[in-house]
Amino acid sequence: MSHFSTVKTQLRKREQLLQALHDLGHLPNEQDSLVRGYRGQTIKAEVSVKMAKSGDLGFRWNASTESYELVADLDLWKESVPIERFLAQLTQRYAFNTVLSASIQEGFEVAEQKNNLDGSIELVVTRWDS
């Protein structure tokens, strides 16, 4: 019996997913690999992370939803924040990196970045038109 859970996400861009994981202090394996779970069970993922206190965490591409889905044995999750909080933090960093990347592509520069006490991030970008 498999203990793996699959969690749908709105994470669609690989580069921003990898950057978000780095931003949160994780070192993702960017190659196809096996995510380990209960009693040596494994599942394939395109991106994986070895967690400090838990089993592995993986992200695999779902072509039908055109997004990455999280795969992990959530019964092994022993991190300091619940998986829901981890996903919220990851999604926030992903969104931040997506906005930042799109802004830079459009010729904007970061004028100000403020991390608020409530956990939100304010980003001010500017562009000089000639």
C-alpha atoms as a PDB file:
ATOM      1  CA  MET A   1       0.000   0.000   0.000  1.00  0.00           C
ATOM      2  CA  SER A   2       1.397   3.360  -1.038  1.00  0.00           C
ATOM      3  CA  HIS A   3       1.692   6.096   1.565  1.00  0.00           C
ATOM      4  CA  PHE A   4       2.387   8.833  -0.965  1.00  0.00           C
ATOM      5  CA  SER A   5       0.108  11.845  -1.202  1.00  0.00           C
ATOM      6  CA  THR A   6      -0.286  14.073  -4.224  1.00  0.00           C
ATOM      7  CA  VAL A   7      -1.104  17.747  -3.723  1.00  0.00           C
ATOM      8  CA  LYS A   8      -2.204  19.874  -6.666  1.00  0.00           C
ATOM      9  CA  THR A   9      -0.535  23.256  -6.992  1.00  0.00           C
ATOM     10  CA  GLN A  10      -0.549  26.235  -9.339  1.00  0.00           C
ATOM     11  CA  LEU A  11       3.233  26.023  -9.791  1.00  0.00           C
ATOM     12  CA  ARG A  12       3.788  26.010 -13.548  1.00  0.00           C
ATOM     13  CA  LYS A  13       7.275  27.396 -14.185  1.00  0.00           C
ATOM     14  CA  ARG A  14      10.218  25.187 -13.290  1.00  0.00           C
ATOM     15  CA  GLU A  15      12.782  27.971 -12.878  1.00  0.00           C
ATOM     16  CA  GLN A  16      10.603  29.901 -10.423  1.00  0.00           C
ATOM     17  CA  LEU A  17       9.844  26.680  -8.495  1.00  0.00           C
ATOM     18  CA  LEU A  18      13.559  25.947  -8.157  1.00  0.00           C
ATOM     19  CA  GLN A  19      14.273  29.530  -7.082  1.00  0.00           C
ATOM     20  CA  ALA A  20      11.451  29.430  -4.506  1.00  0.00           C
ATOM     21  CA  LEU A  21      12.900  26.239  -3.000  1.00  0.00           C
ATOM     22  CA  HIS A  22      16.354  27.886  -2.853  1.00  0.00           C
ATOM     23  CA  ASP A  23      14.820  30.999  -1.260  1.00  0.00           C
ATOM     24  CA  LEU A  24      13.392  28.797   1.507  1.00  0.00           C
ATOM     25  CA  GLY A  25      16.824  27.275   2.161  1.00  0.00           C
ATOM     26  CA  HIS A  26      16.425  23.972   0.307  1.00  0.00           C
ATOM     27  CA  LEU A  27      18.765  22.433  -2.245  1.00  0.00           C
ATOM     28  CA  PRO A  28      16.545  20.866  -4.893  1.00  0.00           C
ATOM     29  CA  ASN A  29      17.770  18.016  -7.063  1.00  0.00           C
ATOM     30  CA  GLU A  30      16.940  19.261 -10.552  1.00  0.00           C
ATOM     31  CA  GLN A  31      17.211  15.837 -12.221  1.00  0.00           C
ATOM     32  CA  ASP A  32      14.578  13.130 -12.433  1.00  0.00           C
ATOM     33  CA  SER A  33      14.916  11.145  -9.227  1.00  0.00           C
ATOM     34  CA  LEU A  34      13.084   8.880  -6.840  1.00  0.00           C
ATOM     35  CA  VAL A  35      11.360  10.390  -3.824  1.00  0.00           C
ATOM     36  CA  ARG A  36      11.653   8.087  -0.824  1.00  0.00           C
ATOM     37  CA  GLY A  37       8.775   7.313   1.481  1.00  0.00           C
ATOM     38  CA  TYR A  38       7.613   4.780   4.035  1.00  0.00           C
ATOM     39  CA  ARG A  39       9.585   1.505   4.160  1.00  0.00           C
ATOM     40  CA  GLY A  40      11.679   2.343   1.135  1.00  0.00           C
ATOM     41  CA  GLN A  41       8.786   2.991  -1.218  1.00  0.00           C
ATOM     42  CA  THR A  42       9.640   5.413  -4.019  1.00  0.00           C
ATOM     43  CA  ILE A  43       7.893   7.564  -6.581  1.00  0.00           C
ATOM     44  CA  LYS A  44       9.444   9.385  -9.542  1.00  0.00           C
ATOM     45  CA  ALA A  45       9.630  13.193  -9.603  1.00  0.00           C
ATOM     46  CA  GLU A  46      11.294  15.778 -11.846  1.00  0.00           C
ATOM     47  CA  VAL A  47      12.416  17.889  -8.855  1.00  0.00           C
ATOM     48  CA  SER A  48      13.149  16.501  -5.394  1.00  0.00           C
ATOM     49  CA  VAL A  49      14.260  17.823  -2.035  1.00  0.00           C
ATOM     50  CA  LYS A  50      15.726  15.901   0.875  1.00  0.00           C
ATOM     51  CA  MET A  51      14.074  17.413   3.929  1.00  0.00           C
ATOM     52  CA  ALA A  52      15.989  17.831   7.205  1.00  0.00           C
ATOM     53  CA  LYS A  53      13.579  15.963   9.494  1.00  0.00           C
ATOM     54  CA  SER A  54      11.194  14.223   7.094  1.00  0.00           C
ATOM     55  CA  GLY A  55      11.089  11.981   4.083  1.00  0.00           C
ATOM     56  CA  ASP A  56      11.777  13.379   0.647  1.00  0.00           C
ATOM     57  CA  LEU A  57       9.600  15.928  -1.086  1.00  0.00           C
ATOM     58  CA  GLY A  58       9.072  15.852  -4.833  1.00  0.00           C
ATOM     59  CA  PHE A  59       7.437  17.789  -7.628  1.00  0.00           C
ATOM     60  CA  ARG A  60       6.303  16.064 -10.794  1.00  0.00           C
ATOM     61  CA  TRP A  61       4.825  17.582 -13.920  1.00  0.00           C
ATOM     62  CA  ASN A  62       1.137  16.904 -14.517  1.00  0.00           C
ATOM     63  CA  ALA A  63       0.516  17.451 -18.232  1.00  0.00           C
ATOM     64  CA  SER A  64      -3.274  17.527 -17.868  1.00  0.00           C
ATOM     65  CA  THR A  65      -3.201  20.480 -15.430  1.00  0.00           C
ATOM     66  CA  GLU A  66       0.034  21.944 -16.856  1.00  0.00           C
ATOM     67  CA  SER A  67       1.454  22.353 -13.369  1.00  0.00           C
ATOM     68  CA  TYR A  68       3.746  20.665 -10.887  1.00  0.00           C
ATOM     69  CA  GLU A  69       2.144  18.599  -8.168  1.00  0.00           C
ATOM     70  CA  LEU A  70       3.773  17.921  -4.844  1.00  0.00           C
ATOM     71  CA  VAL A  71       4.371  14.251  -4.030  1.00  0.00           C
ATOM     72  CA  ALA A  72       5.473  13.085  -0.591  1.00  0.00           C
ATOM     73  CA  ASP A  73       4.763  10.613   2.139  1.00  0.00           C
ATOM     74  CA  LEU A  74       3.032  13.114   4.421  1.00  0.00           C
ATOM     75  CA  ASP A  75       2.939  10.598   7.280  1.00  0.00           C
ATOM     76  CA  LEU A  76       6.711  11.141   7.527  1.00  0.00           C
ATOM     77  CA  TRP A  77       6.443  14.976   7.641  1.00  0.00           C
ATOM     78  CA  LYS A  78       8.260  16.109  10.801  1.00  0.00           C
ATOM     79  CA  GLU A  79       9.353  19.617   9.797  1.00  0.00           C
ATOM     80  CA  SER A  80       8.909  22.611  12.123  1.00  0.00           C
ATOM     81  CA  VAL A  81       6.013  23.979  10.046  1.00  0.00           C
ATOM     82  CA  PRO A  82       2.969  22.017   8.887  1.00  0.00           C
ATOM     83  CA  ILE A  83       2.914  21.009   5.214  1.00  0.00           C
ATOM     84  CA  GLU A  84       0.139  23.554   4.548  1.00  0.00           C
ATOM     85  CA  ARG A  85       2.335  26.368   5.873  1.00  0.00           C
ATOM     86  CA  PHE A  86       5.305  25.110   3.855  1.00  0.00           C
ATOM     87  CA  LEU A  87       3.172  25.132   0.696  1.00  0.00           C
ATOM     88  CA  ALA A  88       1.924  28.646   1.487  1.00  0.00           C
ATOM     89  CA  GLN A  89       5.514  29.879   1.910  1.00  0.00           C
ATOM     90  CA  LEU A  90       6.611  28.106  -1.263  1.00  0.00           C
ATOM     91  CA  THR A  91       3.691  29.532  -3.236  1.00  0.00           C
ATOM     92  CA  GLN A  92       4.453  33.049  -1.978  1.00  0.00           C
ATOM     93  CA  ARG A  93       8.122  32.796  -3.015  1.00  0.00           C
ATOM     94  CA  TYR A  94       7.083  31.289  -6.361  1.00  0.00           C
ATOM     95  CA  ALA A  95       4.679  34.183  -6.998  1.00  0.00           C
ATOM     96  CA  PHE A  96       7.327  36.713  -5.963  1.00  0.00           C
ATOM     97  CA  ASN A  97       9.892  35.179  -8.335  1.00  0.00           C
ATOM     98  CA  THR A  98       7.344  35.018 -11.163  1.00  0.00           C
ATOM     99  CA  VAL A  99       6.462  38.713 -10.776  1.00  0.00           C
ATOM    100  CA  LEU A 100      10.118  39.655 -10.467  1.00  0.00           C
ATOM    101  CA  SER A 101      11.090  37.690 -13.578  1.00  0.00           C
ATOM    102  CA  ALA A 102       8.245  39.140 -15.652  1.00  0.00           C
ATOM    103  CA  SER A 103       9.060  42.667 -14.469  1.00  0.00           C
ATOM    104  CA  ILE A 104      12.717  42.341 -15.429  1.00  0.00           C
ATOM    105  CA  GLN A 105      11.773  40.925 -18.841  1.00  0.00           C
ATOM    106  CA  GLU A 106       9.615  44.008 -19.411  1.00  0.00           C
ATOM    107  CA  GLY A 107      12.519  46.315 -18.561  1.00  0.00           C
ATOM    108  CA  PHE A 108      11.589  47.193 -14.976  1.00  0.00           C
ATOM    109  CA  GLU A 109      14.059  47.494 -12.108  1.00  0.00           C
ATOM    110  CA  VAL A 110      13.383  46.824  -8.440  1.00  0.00           C
ATOM    111  CA  ALA A 111      13.195  50.175  -6.666  1.00  0.00           C
ATOM    112  CA  GLU A 112      12.093  48.864  -3.292  1.00  0.00           C
ATOM    113  CA  GLN A 113      11.324  45.584  -1.568  1.00  0.00           C
ATOM    114  CA  LYS A 114       9.750  45.456   1.858  1.00  0.00           C
ATOM    115  CA  ASN A 115       9.068  42.339   3.927  1.00  0.00           C
ATOM    116  CA  ASN A 116       6.162  43.199   6.220  1.00  0.00           C
ATOM    117  CA  LEU A 117       5.582  41.859   9.720  1.00  0.00           C
ATOM    118  CA  ASP A 118       2.453  39.997   8.531  1.00  0.00           C
ATOM    119  CA  GLY A 119       4.600  37.996   6.098  1.00  0.00           C
ATOM    120  CA  SER A 120       3.525  39.881   2.975  1.00  0.00           C
ATOM    121  CA  ILE A 121       6.051  41.327   0.547  1.00  0.00           C
ATOM    122  CA  GLU A 122       5.759  44.740  -1.083  1.00  0.00           C
ATOM    123  CA  LEU A 123       7.648  45.209  -4.315  1.00  0.00           C
ATOM    124  CA  VAL A 124       8.049  48.525  -6.133  1.00  0.00           C
ATOM    125  CA  VAL A 125       9.402  48.405  -9.674  1.00  0.00           C
ATOM    126  CA  THR A 126      10.199  51.284 -12.001  1.00  0.00           C
ATOM    127  CA  ARG A 127      11.012  51.775 -15.651  1.00  0.00           C
ATOM    128  CA  TRP A 128      12.259  54.805 -17.462  1.00  0.00           C
ATOM    129  CA  ASP A 129      10.677  55.281 -20.868  1.00  0.00           C
ATOM    130  CA  SER A 130      12.535  57.385 -23.407  1.00  0.00           C
END
